[in-house]
Amino acid sequence: MARHETLRTHFALHEGQAIQVIAPATQGFALITHDLRPLDGAAQHEAVERLAREEALTPFDLSRGPLIRGRLVQLSETEHILLVTQHHIVSDGWSTGVLLHEIGTLYRAFS
């Protein structure tokens, strides 16, 4: 979050005009975790589909932010799924590629 201002951005109204507000670099990122290890494969698949659908249908509040959300779904001791949802106002194809590359690089560095 500290490296990317757009991930810390929200929009407020000032004198009837929308303005960009960038939160401090110290703003954290809330990663919601879901432990699906107790479920069998079919139930895990259904739960992941439900979580992804819920995430996609949950609106963002442009005036509050953050405009990015994440969920980490644990399927087993070694298998996880990372769900990342961003509002299109703070992301595009290029910036999403940069973010995914950085996540991959950091994951490999810490694993």
PDB file of N, CA and C in Angstrom:
ATOM      1  N   MET A   1       0.823  -1.179   0.000  1.00  0.00           N
ATOM      2  CA  MET A   1       0.000   0.000   0.000  1.00  0.00           C
ATOM      3  C   MET A   1       0.874   1.253   0.000  1.00  0.00           C
ATOM      4  N   ALA A   2       1.959   1.220   0.741  1.00  0.00           N
ATOM      5  CA  ALA A   2       2.808   2.403   0.839  1.00  0.00           C
ATOM      6  C   ALA A   2       3.419   2.767  -0.509  1.00  0.00           C
ATOM      7  N   ARG A   3       3.664   1.787  -1.346  1.00  0.00           N
ATOM      8  CA  ARG A   3       4.332   2.036  -2.627  1.00  0.00           C
ATOM      9  C   ARG A   3       3.399   2.557  -3.713  1.00  0.00           C
ATOM     10  N   HIS A   4       2.087   2.452  -3.513  1.00  0.00           N
ATOM     11  CA  HIS A   4       1.140   2.797  -4.578  1.00  0.00           C
ATOM     12  C   HIS A   4       0.056   3.745  -4.062  1.00  0.00           C
ATOM     13  N   GLU A   5       0.180   5.025  -4.400  1.00  0.00           N
ATOM     14  CA  GLU A   5      -0.792   6.018  -3.941  1.00  0.00           C
ATOM     15  C   GLU A   5      -2.210   5.685  -4.379  1.00  0.00           C
ATOM     16  N   THR A   6      -2.366   5.145  -5.575  1.00  0.00           N
ATOM     17  CA  THR A   6      -3.724   4.873  -6.061  1.00  0.00           C
ATOM     18  C   THR A   6      -4.456   3.871  -5.176  1.00  0.00           C
ATOM     19  N   LEU A   7      -3.717   2.980  -4.521  1.00  0.00           N
ATOM     20  CA  LEU A   7      -4.352   2.002  -3.641  1.00  0.00           C
ATOM     21  C   LEU A   7      -4.784   2.625  -2.316  1.00  0.00           C
ATOM     22  N   ARG A   8      -4.294   3.836  -2.042  1.00  0.00           N
ATOM     23  CA  ARG A   8      -4.667   4.554  -0.817  1.00  0.00           C
ATOM     24  C   ARG A   8      -5.576   5.744  -1.122  1.00  0.00           C
ATOM     25  N   THR A   9      -6.108   5.792  -2.327  1.00  0.00           N
ATOM     26  CA  THR A   9      -6.902   6.925  -2.777  1.00  0.00           C
ATOM     27  C   THR A   9      -8.389   6.710  -2.541  1.00  0.00           C
ATOM     28  N   HIS A  10      -9.055   7.787  -2.157  1.00  0.00           N
ATOM     29  CA  HIS A  10     -10.517   7.831  -2.181  1.00  0.00           C
ATOM     30  C   HIS A  10     -10.903   9.226  -2.669  1.00  0.00           C
ATOM     31  N   PHE A  11     -12.182   9.464  -2.822  1.00  0.00           N
ATOM     32  CA  PHE A  11     -12.634  10.716  -3.420  1.00  0.00           C
ATOM     33  C   PHE A  11     -13.670  11.370  -2.516  1.00  0.00           C
ATOM     34  N   ALA A  12     -13.479  12.659  -2.271  1.00  0.00           N
ATOM     35  CA  ALA A  12     -14.386  13.419  -1.412  1.00  0.00           C
ATOM     36  C   ALA A  12     -14.960  14.580  -2.208  1.00  0.00           C
ATOM     37  N   LEU A  13     -16.061  15.111  -1.721  1.00  0.00           N
ATOM     38  CA  LEU A  13     -16.649  16.298  -2.340  1.00  0.00           C
ATOM     39  C   LEU A  13     -16.173  17.531  -1.590  1.00  0.00           C
ATOM     40  N   HIS A  14     -15.683  18.507  -2.337  1.00  0.00           N
ATOM     41  CA  HIS A  14     -15.250  19.786  -1.774  1.00  0.00           C
ATOM     42  C   HIS A  14     -15.865  20.884  -2.624  1.00  0.00           C
ATOM     43  N   GLU A  15     -16.786  21.633  -2.026  1.00  0.00           N
ATOM     44  CA  GLU A  15     -17.497  22.701  -2.731  1.00  0.00           C
ATOM     45  C   GLU A  15     -18.154  22.179  -4.006  1.00  0.00           C
ATOM     46  N   GLY A  16     -18.741  20.988  -3.885  1.00  0.00           N
ATOM     47  CA  GLY A  16     -19.467  20.402  -5.003  1.00  0.00           C
ATOM     48  C   GLY A  16     -18.610  19.722  -6.055  1.00  0.00           C
ATOM     49  N   GLN A  17     -17.306  19.698  -5.851  1.00  0.00           N
ATOM     50  CA  GLN A  17     -16.391  19.070  -6.803  1.00  0.00           C
ATOM     51  C   GLN A  17     -15.745  17.839  -6.166  1.00  0.00           C
ATOM     52  N   ALA A  18     -15.602  16.795  -6.944  1.00  0.00           N
ATOM     53  CA  ALA A  18     -14.903  15.601  -6.461  1.00  0.00           C
ATOM     54  C   ALA A  18     -13.408  15.878  -6.437  1.00  0.00           C
ATOM     55  N   ILE A  19     -12.772  15.559  -5.312  1.00  0.00           N
ATOM     56  CA  ILE A  19     -11.324  15.715  -5.199  1.00  0.00           C
ATOM     57  C   ILE A  19     -10.714  14.384  -4.778  1.00  0.00           C
ATOM     58  N   GLN A  20      -9.492  14.171  -5.219  1.00  0.00           N
ATOM     59  CA  GLN A  20      -8.760  12.962  -4.865  1.00  0.00           C
ATOM     60  C   GLN A  20      -8.106  13.166  -3.503  1.00  0.00           C
ATOM     61  N   VAL A  21      -8.262  12.196  -2.620  1.00  0.00           N
ATOM     62  CA  VAL A  21      -7.643  12.232  -1.300  1.00  0.00           C
ATOM     63  C   VAL A  21      -6.758  10.997  -1.185  1.00  0.00           C
ATOM     64  N   ILE A  22      -5.485  11.217  -0.851  1.00  0.00           N
ATOM     65  CA  ILE A  22      -4.540  10.103  -0.716  1.00  0.00           C
ATOM     66  C   ILE A  22      -4.235   9.915   0.763  1.00  0.00           C
ATOM     67  N   ALA A  23      -4.547   8.748   1.274  1.00  0.00           N
ATOM     68  CA  ALA A  23      -4.294   8.432   2.683  1.00  0.00           C
ATOM     69  C   ALA A  23      -2.789   8.316   2.915  1.00  0.00           C
ATOM     70  N   PRO A  24      -2.351   8.482   4.159  1.00  0.00           N
ATOM     71  CA  PRO A  24      -0.923   8.363   4.468  1.00  0.00           C
ATOM     72  C   PRO A  24      -0.365   6.992   4.079  1.00  0.00           C
ATOM     73  N   ALA A  25       0.926   6.968   3.796  1.00  0.00           N
ATOM     74  CA  ALA A  25       1.590   5.721   3.396  1.00  0.00           C
ATOM     75  C   ALA A  25       1.548   4.674   4.504  1.00  0.00           C
ATOM     76  N   THR A  26       1.247   5.091   5.709  1.00  0.00           N
ATOM     77  CA  THR A  26       1.180   4.150   6.832  1.00  0.00           C
ATOM     78  C   THR A  26      -0.151   3.410   6.899  1.00  0.00           C
ATOM     79  N   GLN A  27      -1.097   3.779   6.028  1.00  0.00           N
ATOM     80  CA  GLN A  27      -2.396   3.091   6.026  1.00  0.00           C
ATOM     81  C   GLN A  27      -2.189   1.624   5.709  1.00  0.00           C
ATOM     82  N   GLY A  28      -2.766   0.779   6.513  1.00  0.00           N
ATOM     83  CA  GLY A  28      -2.614  -0.656   6.317  1.00  0.00           C
ATOM     84  C   GLY A  28      -3.617  -1.216   5.326  1.00  0.00           C
ATOM     85  N   PHE A  29      -3.535  -2.511   5.161  1.00  0.00           N
ATOM     86  CA  PHE A  29      -4.410  -3.232   4.248  1.00  0.00           C
ATOM     87  C   PHE A  29      -5.038  -4.376   5.025  1.00  0.00           C
ATOM     88  N   ALA A  30      -6.355  -4.399   5.087  1.00  0.00           N
ATOM     89  CA  ALA A  30      -7.053  -5.455   5.821  1.00  0.00           C
ATOM     90  C   ALA A  30      -7.265  -6.653   4.900  1.00  0.00           C
ATOM     91  N   LEU A  31      -6.625  -7.748   5.227  1.00  0.00           N
ATOM     92  CA  LEU A  31      -6.775  -8.984   4.467  1.00  0.00           C
ATOM     93  C   LEU A  31      -7.658  -9.921   5.280  1.00  0.00           C
ATOM     94  N   ILE A  32      -8.846 -10.185   4.770  1.00  0.00           N
ATOM     95  CA  ILE A  32      -9.785 -11.079   5.451  1.00  0.00           C
ATOM     96  C   ILE A  32      -9.386 -12.517   5.131  1.00  0.00           C
ATOM     97  N   THR A  33      -9.333 -13.361   6.153  1.00  0.00           N
ATOM     98  CA  THR A  33      -8.941 -14.754   5.935  1.00  0.00           C
ATOM     99  C   THR A  33     -10.140 -15.683   6.133  1.00  0.00           C
ATOM    100  N   HIS A  34     -10.143 -16.758   5.366  1.00  0.00           N
ATOM    101  CA  HIS A  34     -11.183 -17.785   5.437  1.00  0.00           C
ATOM    102  C   HIS A  34     -10.487 -19.142   5.457  1.00  0.00           C
ATOM    103  N   ASP A  35     -10.745 -19.923   6.472  1.00  0.00           N
ATOM    104  CA  ASP A  35     -10.153 -21.257   6.591  1.00  0.00           C
ATOM    105  C   ASP A  35     -11.176 -22.294   6.132  1.00  0.00           C
ATOM    106  N   LEU A  36     -10.945 -22.852   4.953  1.00  0.00           N
ATOM    107  CA  LEU A  36     -11.862 -23.853   4.402  1.00  0.00           C
ATOM    108  C   LEU A  36     -11.310 -25.269   4.522  1.00  0.00           C
ATOM    109  N   ARG A  37     -10.251 -25.443   5.300  1.00  0.00           N
ATOM    110  CA  ARG A  37      -9.647 -26.769   5.444  1.00  0.00           C
ATOM    111  C   ARG A  37     -10.619 -27.835   5.937  1.00  0.00           C
ATOM    112  N   PRO A  38     -11.568 -27.515   6.819  1.00  0.00           N
ATOM    113  CA  PRO A  38     -12.484 -28.571   7.283  1.00  0.00           C
ATOM    114  C   PRO A  38     -13.433 -29.094   6.204  1.00  0.00           C
ATOM    115  N   LEU A  39     -13.578 -28.373   5.094  1.00  0.00           N
ATOM    116  CA  LEU A  39     -14.530 -28.772   4.053  1.00  0.00           C
ATOM    117  C   LEU A  39     -13.890 -29.720   3.047  1.00  0.00           C
ATOM    118  N   ASP A  40     -14.711 -30.572   2.412  1.00  0.00           N
ATOM    119  CA  ASP A  40     -14.190 -31.429   1.343  1.00  0.00           C
ATOM    120  C   ASP A  40     -14.054 -30.600   0.061  1.00  0.00           C
ATOM    121  N   GLY A  41     -13.473 -31.195  -0.967  1.00  0.00           N
ATOM    122  CA  GLY A  41     -13.169 -30.483  -2.212  1.00  0.00           C
ATOM    123  C   GLY A  41     -14.355 -29.798  -2.854  1.00  0.00           C
ATOM    124  N   ALA A  42     -15.489 -30.489  -2.956  1.00  0.00           N
ATOM    125  CA  ALA A  42     -16.672 -29.901  -3.590  1.00  0.00           C
ATOM    126  C   ALA A  42     -17.203 -28.733  -2.767  1.00  0.00           C
ATOM    127  N   ALA A  43     -17.227 -28.897  -1.455  1.00  0.00           N
ATOM    128  CA  ALA A  43     -17.711 -27.819  -0.581  1.00  0.00           C
ATOM    129  C   ALA A  43     -16.758 -26.626  -0.611  1.00  0.00           C
ATOM    130  N   GLN A  44     -15.448 -26.901  -0.702  1.00  0.00           N
ATOM    131  CA  GLN A  44     -14.479 -25.812  -0.829  1.00  0.00           C
ATOM    132  C   GLN A  44     -14.724 -25.025  -2.110  1.00  0.00           C
ATOM    133  N   HIS A  45     -14.910 -25.744  -3.207  1.00  0.00           N
ATOM    134  CA  HIS A  45     -15.152 -25.093  -4.498  1.00  0.00           C
ATOM    135  C   HIS A  45     -16.388 -24.196  -4.422  1.00  0.00           C
ATOM    136  N   GLU A  46     -17.461 -24.709  -3.841  1.00  0.00           N
ATOM    137  CA  GLU A  46     -18.692 -23.924  -3.700  1.00  0.00           C
ATOM    138  C   GLU A  46     -18.466 -22.698  -2.817  1.00  0.00           C
ATOM    139  N   ALA A  47     -17.714 -22.871  -1.733  1.00  0.00           N
ATOM    140  CA  ALA A  47     -17.457 -21.754  -0.821  1.00  0.00           C
ATOM    141  C   ALA A  47     -16.611 -20.674  -1.492  1.00  0.00           C
ATOM    142  N   VAL A  48     -15.602 -21.086  -2.259  1.00  0.00           N
ATOM    143  CA  VAL A  48     -14.766 -20.115  -2.971  1.00  0.00           C
ATOM    144  C   VAL A  48     -15.601 -19.360  -3.999  1.00  0.00           C
ATOM    145  N   GLU A  49     -16.444 -20.072  -4.723  1.00  0.00           N
ATOM    146  CA  GLU A  49     -17.327 -19.419  -5.702  1.00  0.00           C
ATOM    147  C   GLU A  49     -18.240 -18.403  -5.016  1.00  0.00           C
ATOM    148  N   ARG A  50     -18.793 -18.779  -3.871  1.00  0.00           N
ATOM    149  CA  ARG A  50     -19.681 -17.882  -3.129  1.00  0.00           C
ATOM    150  C   ARG A  50     -18.927 -16.646  -2.650  1.00  0.00           C
ATOM    151  N   LEU A  51     -17.717 -16.844  -2.090  1.00  0.00           N
ATOM    152  CA  LEU A  51     -16.915 -15.716  -1.618  1.00  0.00           C
ATOM    153  C   LEU A  51     -16.557 -14.773  -2.761  1.00  0.00           C
ATOM    154  N   ALA A  52     -16.155 -15.330  -3.897  1.00  0.00           N
ATOM    155  CA  ALA A  52     -15.796 -14.502  -5.053  1.00  0.00           C
ATOM    156  C   ALA A  52     -17.005 -13.721  -5.553  1.00  0.00           C
ATOM    157  N   ARG A  53     -18.149 -14.373  -5.588  1.00  0.00           N
ATOM    158  CA  ARG A  53     -19.382 -13.704  -6.033  1.00  0.00           C
ATOM    159  C   ARG A  53     -19.760 -12.578  -5.066  1.00  0.00           C
ATOM    160  N   GLU A  54     -19.711 -12.862  -3.762  1.00  0.00           N
ATOM    161  CA  GLU A  54     -20.014 -11.839  -2.755  1.00  0.00           C
ATOM    162  C   GLU A  54     -19.071 -10.652  -2.890  1.00  0.00           C
ATOM    163  N   GLU A  55     -17.795 -10.959  -3.079  1.00  0.00           N
ATOM    164  CA  GLU A  55     -16.791  -9.896  -3.199  1.00  0.00           C
ATOM    165  C   GLU A  55     -17.070  -9.033  -4.418  1.00  0.00           C
ATOM    166  N   ALA A  56     -17.373  -9.666  -5.525  1.00  0.00           N
ATOM    167  CA  ALA A  56     -17.629  -8.922  -6.766  1.00  0.00           C
ATOM    168  C   ALA A  56     -18.882  -8.058  -6.662  1.00  0.00           C
ATOM    169  N   LEU A  57     -19.852  -8.489  -5.863  1.00  0.00           N
ATOM    170  CA  LEU A  57     -21.116  -7.756  -5.747  1.00  0.00           C
ATOM    171  C   LEU A  57     -21.120  -6.712  -4.632  1.00  0.00           C
ATOM    172  N   THR A  58     -20.067  -6.680  -3.815  1.00  0.00           N
ATOM    173  CA  THR A  58     -19.997  -5.709  -2.723  1.00  0.00           C
ATOM    174  C   THR A  58     -19.502  -4.373  -3.266  1.00  0.00           C
ATOM    175  N   PRO A  59     -20.311  -3.326  -3.149  1.00  0.00           N
ATOM    176  CA  PRO A  59     -19.901  -2.035  -3.705  1.00  0.00           C
ATOM    177  C   PRO A  59     -18.793  -1.381  -2.881  1.00  0.00           C
ATOM    178  N   PHE A  60     -18.056  -0.511  -3.528  1.00  0.00           N
ATOM    179  CA  PHE A  60     -17.050   0.303  -2.861  1.00  0.00           C
ATOM    180  C   PHE A  60     -17.676   1.640  -2.484  1.00  0.00           C
ATOM    181  N   ASP A  61     -17.212   2.229  -1.403  1.00  0.00           N
ATOM    182  CA  ASP A  61     -17.607   3.579  -1.023  1.00  0.00           C
ATOM    183  C   ASP A  61     -16.483   4.509  -1.470  1.00  0.00           C
ATOM    184  N   LEU A  62     -16.684   5.197  -2.586  1.00  0.00           N
ATOM    185  CA  LEU A  62     -15.637   6.053  -3.147  1.00  0.00           C
ATOM    186  C   LEU A  62     -15.223   7.165  -2.192  1.00  0.00           C
ATOM    187  N   SER A  63     -16.115   7.562  -1.296  1.00  0.00           N
ATOM    188  CA  SER A  63     -15.805   8.667  -0.396  1.00  0.00           C
ATOM    189  C   SER A  63     -15.020   8.228   0.837  1.00  0.00           C
ATOM    190  N   ARG A  64     -14.931   6.927   1.076  1.00  0.00           N
ATOM    191  CA  ARG A  64     -14.238   6.446   2.267  1.00  0.00           C
ATOM    192  C   ARG A  64     -12.997   5.633   1.938  1.00  0.00           C
ATOM    193  N   GLY A  65     -13.064   4.789   0.921  1.00  0.00           N
ATOM    194  CA  GLY A  65     -11.957   3.902   0.635  1.00  0.00           C
ATOM    195  C   GLY A  65     -11.835   2.836   1.713  1.00  0.00           C
ATOM    196  N   PRO A  66     -10.893   1.951   1.663  1.00  0.00           N
ATOM    197  CA  PRO A  66     -10.008   1.792   0.503  1.00  0.00           C
ATOM    198  C   PRO A  66     -10.770   1.249  -0.699  1.00  0.00           C
ATOM    199  N   LEU A  67     -10.186   1.466  -1.854  1.00  0.00           N
ATOM    200  CA  LEU A  67     -10.814   1.036  -3.098  1.00  0.00           C
ATOM    201  C   LEU A  67     -10.187  -0.252  -3.613  1.00  0.00           C
ATOM    202  N   ILE A  68      -9.601  -0.988  -2.677  1.00  0.00           N
ATOM    203  CA  ILE A  68      -9.066  -2.325  -2.944  1.00  0.00           C
ATOM    204  C   ILE A  68      -9.364  -3.184  -1.713  1.00  0.00           C
ATOM    205  N   ARG A  69      -9.711  -4.440  -1.961  1.00  0.00           N
ATOM    206  CA  ARG A  69      -9.989  -5.379  -0.871  1.00  0.00           C
ATOM    207  C   ARG A  69      -9.299  -6.703  -1.185  1.00  0.00           C
ATOM    208  N   GLY A  70      -9.019  -7.453  -0.130  1.00  0.00           N
ATOM    209  CA  GLY A  70      -8.414  -8.762  -0.337  1.00  0.00           C
ATOM    210  C   GLY A  70      -8.937  -9.795   0.634  1.00  0.00           C
ATOM    211  N   ARG A  71      -9.000 -11.027   0.155  1.00  0.00           N
ATOM    212  CA  ARG A  71      -9.372 -12.178   0.979  1.00  0.00           C
ATOM    213  C   ARG A  71      -8.382 -13.300   0.680  1.00  0.00           C
ATOM    214  N   LEU A  72      -7.915 -13.940   1.727  1.00  0.00           N
ATOM    215  CA  LEU A  72      -7.039 -15.098   1.586  1.00  0.00           C
ATOM    216  C   LEU A  72      -7.816 -16.323   2.036  1.00  0.00           C
ATOM    217  N   VAL A  73      -7.988 -17.257   1.121  1.00  0.00           N
ATOM    218  CA  VAL A  73      -8.770 -18.464   1.383  1.00  0.00           C
ATOM    219  C   VAL A  73      -7.805 -19.639   1.513  1.00  0.00           C
ATOM    220  N   GLN A  74      -7.821 -20.290   2.663  1.00  0.00           N
ATOM    221  CA  GLN A  74      -6.945 -21.435   2.889  1.00  0.00           C
ATOM    222  C   GLN A  74      -7.705 -22.719   2.612  1.00  0.00           C
ATOM    223  N   LEU A  75      -7.168 -23.509   1.667  1.00  0.00           N
ATOM    224  CA  LEU A  75      -7.785 -24.781   1.297  1.00  0.00           C
ATOM    225  C   LEU A  75      -7.105 -25.963   1.976  1.00  0.00           C
ATOM    226  N   SER A  76      -5.782 -25.844   2.186  1.00  0.00           N
ATOM    227  CA  SER A  76      -5.004 -26.892   2.849  1.00  0.00           C
ATOM    228  C   SER A  76      -3.799 -26.214   3.488  1.00  0.00           C
ATOM    229  N   GLU A  77      -2.912 -27.010   4.054  1.00  0.00           N
ATOM    230  CA  GLU A  77      -1.710 -26.429   4.661  1.00  0.00           C
ATOM    231  C   GLU A  77      -0.845 -25.709   3.630  1.00  0.00           C
ATOM    232  N   THR A  78      -0.907 -26.152   2.377  1.00  0.00           N
ATOM    233  CA  THR A  78      -0.027 -25.595   1.346  1.00  0.00           C
ATOM    234  C   THR A  78      -0.764 -24.924   0.195  1.00  0.00           C
ATOM    235  N   GLU A  79      -2.082 -24.914   0.214  1.00  0.00           N
ATOM    236  CA  GLU A  79      -2.840 -24.351  -0.905  1.00  0.00           C
ATOM    237  C   GLU A  79      -3.763 -23.233  -0.420  1.00  0.00           C
ATOM    238  N   HIS A  80      -3.591 -22.068  -1.061  1.00  0.00           N
ATOM    239  CA  HIS A  80      -4.378 -20.882  -0.735  1.00  0.00           C
ATOM    240  C   HIS A  80      -4.847 -20.224  -2.025  1.00  0.00           C
ATOM    241  N   ILE A  81      -5.901 -19.434  -1.919  1.00  0.00           N
ATOM    242  CA  ILE A  81      -6.374 -18.608  -3.029  1.00  0.00           C
ATOM    243  C   ILE A  81      -6.431 -17.176  -2.522  1.00  0.00           C
ATOM    244  N   LEU A  82      -5.855 -16.258  -3.285  1.00  0.00           N
ATOM    245  CA  LEU A  82      -5.900 -14.838  -2.948  1.00  0.00           C
ATOM    246  C   LEU A  82      -6.919 -14.167  -3.859  1.00  0.00           C
ATOM    247  N   LEU A  83      -7.964 -13.603  -3.264  1.00  0.00           N
ATOM    248  CA  LEU A  83      -8.963 -12.847  -4.013  1.00  0.00           C
ATOM    249  C   LEU A  83      -8.668 -11.363  -3.807  1.00  0.00           C
ATOM    250  N   VAL A  84      -8.439 -10.643  -4.889  1.00  0.00           N
ATOM    251  CA  VAL A  84      -8.183  -9.204  -4.826  1.00  0.00           C
ATOM    252  C   VAL A  84      -9.238  -8.510  -5.675  1.00  0.00           C
ATOM    253  N   THR A  85      -9.911  -7.534  -5.083  1.00  0.00           N
ATOM    254  CA  THR A  85     -10.942  -6.777  -5.780  1.00  0.00           C
ATOM    255  C   THR A  85     -10.562  -5.305  -5.714  1.00  0.00           C
ATOM    256  N   GLN A  86     -10.526  -4.645  -6.878  1.00  0.00           N
ATOM    257  CA  GLN A  86     -10.199  -3.223  -6.954  1.00  0.00           C
ATOM    258  C   GLN A  86     -11.307  -2.495  -7.700  1.00  0.00           C
ATOM    259  N   HIS A  87     -11.560  -1.262  -7.307  1.00  0.00           N
ATOM    260  CA  HIS A  87     -12.488  -0.438  -8.080  1.00  0.00           C
ATOM    261  C   HIS A  87     -11.763   0.007  -9.349  1.00  0.00           C
ATOM    262  N   HIS A  88     -12.475   0.029 -10.456  1.00  0.00           N
ATOM    263  CA  HIS A  88     -11.846   0.377 -11.736  1.00  0.00           C
ATOM    264  C   HIS A  88     -11.338   1.814 -11.774  1.00  0.00           C
ATOM    265  N   ILE A  89     -11.780   2.659 -10.862  1.00  0.00           N
ATOM    266  CA  ILE A  89     -11.310   4.044 -10.865  1.00  0.00           C
ATOM    267  C   ILE A  89      -9.842   4.145 -10.430  1.00  0.00           C
ATOM    268  N   VAL A  90      -9.335   3.124  -9.721  1.00  0.00           N
ATOM    269  CA  VAL A  90      -7.946   3.148  -9.262  1.00  0.00           C
ATOM    270  C   VAL A  90      -7.091   2.069  -9.921  1.00  0.00           C
ATOM    271  N   SER A  91      -7.620   1.400 -10.932  1.00  0.00           N
ATOM    272  CA  SER A  91      -6.823   0.354 -11.577  1.00  0.00           C
ATOM    273  C   SER A  91      -7.159   0.258 -13.057  1.00  0.00           C
ATOM    274  N   ASP A  92      -6.196  -0.214 -13.796  1.00  0.00           N
ATOM    275  CA  ASP A  92      -6.395  -0.534 -15.206  1.00  0.00           C
ATOM    276  C   ASP A  92      -5.563  -1.783 -15.487  1.00  0.00           C
ATOM    277  N   GLY A  93      -5.569  -2.241 -16.707  1.00  0.00           N
ATOM    278  CA  GLY A  93      -4.847  -3.467 -17.038  1.00  0.00           C
ATOM    279  C   GLY A  93      -3.366  -3.395 -16.722  1.00  0.00           C
ATOM    280  N   TRP A  94      -2.738  -2.271 -17.039  1.00  0.00           N
ATOM    281  CA  TRP A  94      -1.301  -2.128 -16.810  1.00  0.00           C
ATOM    282  C   TRP A  94      -0.996  -2.118 -15.316  1.00  0.00           C
ATOM    283  N   SER A  95      -1.714  -1.287 -14.542  1.00  0.00           N
ATOM    284  CA  SER A  95      -1.418  -1.183 -13.114  1.00  0.00           C
ATOM    285  C   SER A  95      -1.751  -2.478 -12.372  1.00  0.00           C
ATOM    286  N   THR A  96      -2.780  -3.184 -12.811  1.00  0.00           N
ATOM    287  CA  THR A  96      -3.099  -4.475 -12.200  1.00  0.00           C
ATOM    288  C   THR A  96      -1.971  -5.464 -12.454  1.00  0.00           C
ATOM    289  N   GLY A  97      -1.405  -5.444 -13.656  1.00  0.00           N
ATOM    290  CA  GLY A  97      -0.259  -6.298 -13.964  1.00  0.00           C
ATOM    291  C   GLY A  97       0.932  -5.988 -13.077  1.00  0.00           C
ATOM    292  N   VAL A  98       1.193  -4.704 -12.845  1.00  0.00           N
ATOM    293  CA  VAL A  98       2.291  -4.296 -11.962  1.00  0.00           C
ATOM    294  C   VAL A  98       2.049  -4.815 -10.549  1.00  0.00           C
ATOM    295  N   LEU A  99       0.835  -4.640 -10.052  1.00  0.00           N
ATOM    296  CA  LEU A  99       0.500  -5.092  -8.703  1.00  0.00           C
ATOM    297  C   LEU A  99       0.654  -6.608  -8.571  1.00  0.00           C
ATOM    298  N   LEU A 100       0.135  -7.363  -9.525  1.00  0.00           N
ATOM    299  CA  LEU A 100       0.251  -8.824  -9.470  1.00  0.00           C
ATOM    300  C   LEU A 100       1.704  -9.271  -9.545  1.00  0.00           C
ATOM    301  N   HIS A 101       2.505  -8.597 -10.350  1.00  0.00           N
ATOM    302  CA  HIS A 101       3.935  -8.916 -10.433  1.00  0.00           C
ATOM    303  C   HIS A 101       4.608  -8.679  -9.081  1.00  0.00           C
ATOM    304  N   GLU A 102       4.299  -7.557  -8.435  1.00  0.00           N
ATOM    305  CA  GLU A 102       4.896  -7.263  -7.133  1.00  0.00           C
ATOM    306  C   GLU A 102       4.450  -8.267  -6.074  1.00  0.00           C
ATOM    307  N   ILE A 103       3.178  -8.634  -6.083  1.00  0.00           N
ATOM    308  CA  ILE A 103       2.696  -9.635  -5.126  1.00  0.00           C
ATOM    309  C   ILE A 103       3.446 -10.949  -5.335  1.00  0.00           C
ATOM    310  N   GLY A 104       3.617 -11.363  -6.585  1.00  0.00           N
ATOM    311  CA  GLY A 104       4.354 -12.591  -6.886  1.00  0.00           C
ATOM    312  C   GLY A 104       5.797 -12.521  -6.442  1.00  0.00           C
ATOM    313  N   THR A 105       6.442 -11.388  -6.690  1.00  0.00           N
ATOM    314  CA  THR A 105       7.838 -11.206  -6.288  1.00  0.00           C
ATOM    315  C   THR A 105       7.978 -11.277  -4.770  1.00  0.00           C
ATOM    316  N   LEU A 106       7.096 -10.594  -4.058  1.00  0.00           N
ATOM    317  CA  LEU A 106       7.147 -10.619  -2.594  1.00  0.00           C
ATOM    318  C   LEU A 106       6.835 -12.011  -2.046  1.00  0.00           C
ATOM    319  N   TYR A 107       5.891 -12.691  -2.649  1.00  0.00           N
ATOM    320  CA  TYR A 107       5.547 -14.046  -2.207  1.00  0.00           C
ATOM    321  C   TYR A 107       6.763 -14.972  -2.330  1.00  0.00           C
ATOM    322  N   ARG A 108       7.430 -14.912  -3.479  1.00  0.00           N
ATOM    323  CA  ARG A 108       8.614 -15.768  -3.677  1.00  0.00           C
ATOM    324  C   ARG A 108       9.736 -15.392  -2.716  1.00  0.00           C
ATOM    325  N   ALA A 109       9.880 -14.112  -2.415  1.00  0.00           N
ATOM    326  CA  ALA A 109      10.949 -13.671  -1.518  1.00  0.00           C
ATOM    327  C   ALA A 109      10.723 -14.140  -0.082  1.00  0.00           C
ATOM    328  N   PHE A 110       9.469 -14.238   0.330  1.00  0.00           N
ATOM    329  CA  PHE A 110       9.165 -14.606   1.713  1.00  0.00           C
ATOM    330  C   PHE A 110       8.822 -16.076   1.895  1.00  0.00           C
ATOM    331  N   SER A 111       8.757 -16.846   0.801  1.00  0.00           N
ATOM    332  CA  SER A 111       8.404 -18.261   0.968  1.00  0.00           C
ATOM    333  C   SER A 111       9.619 -19.155   0.884  1.00  0.00           C
TER     334      SER A 111
END
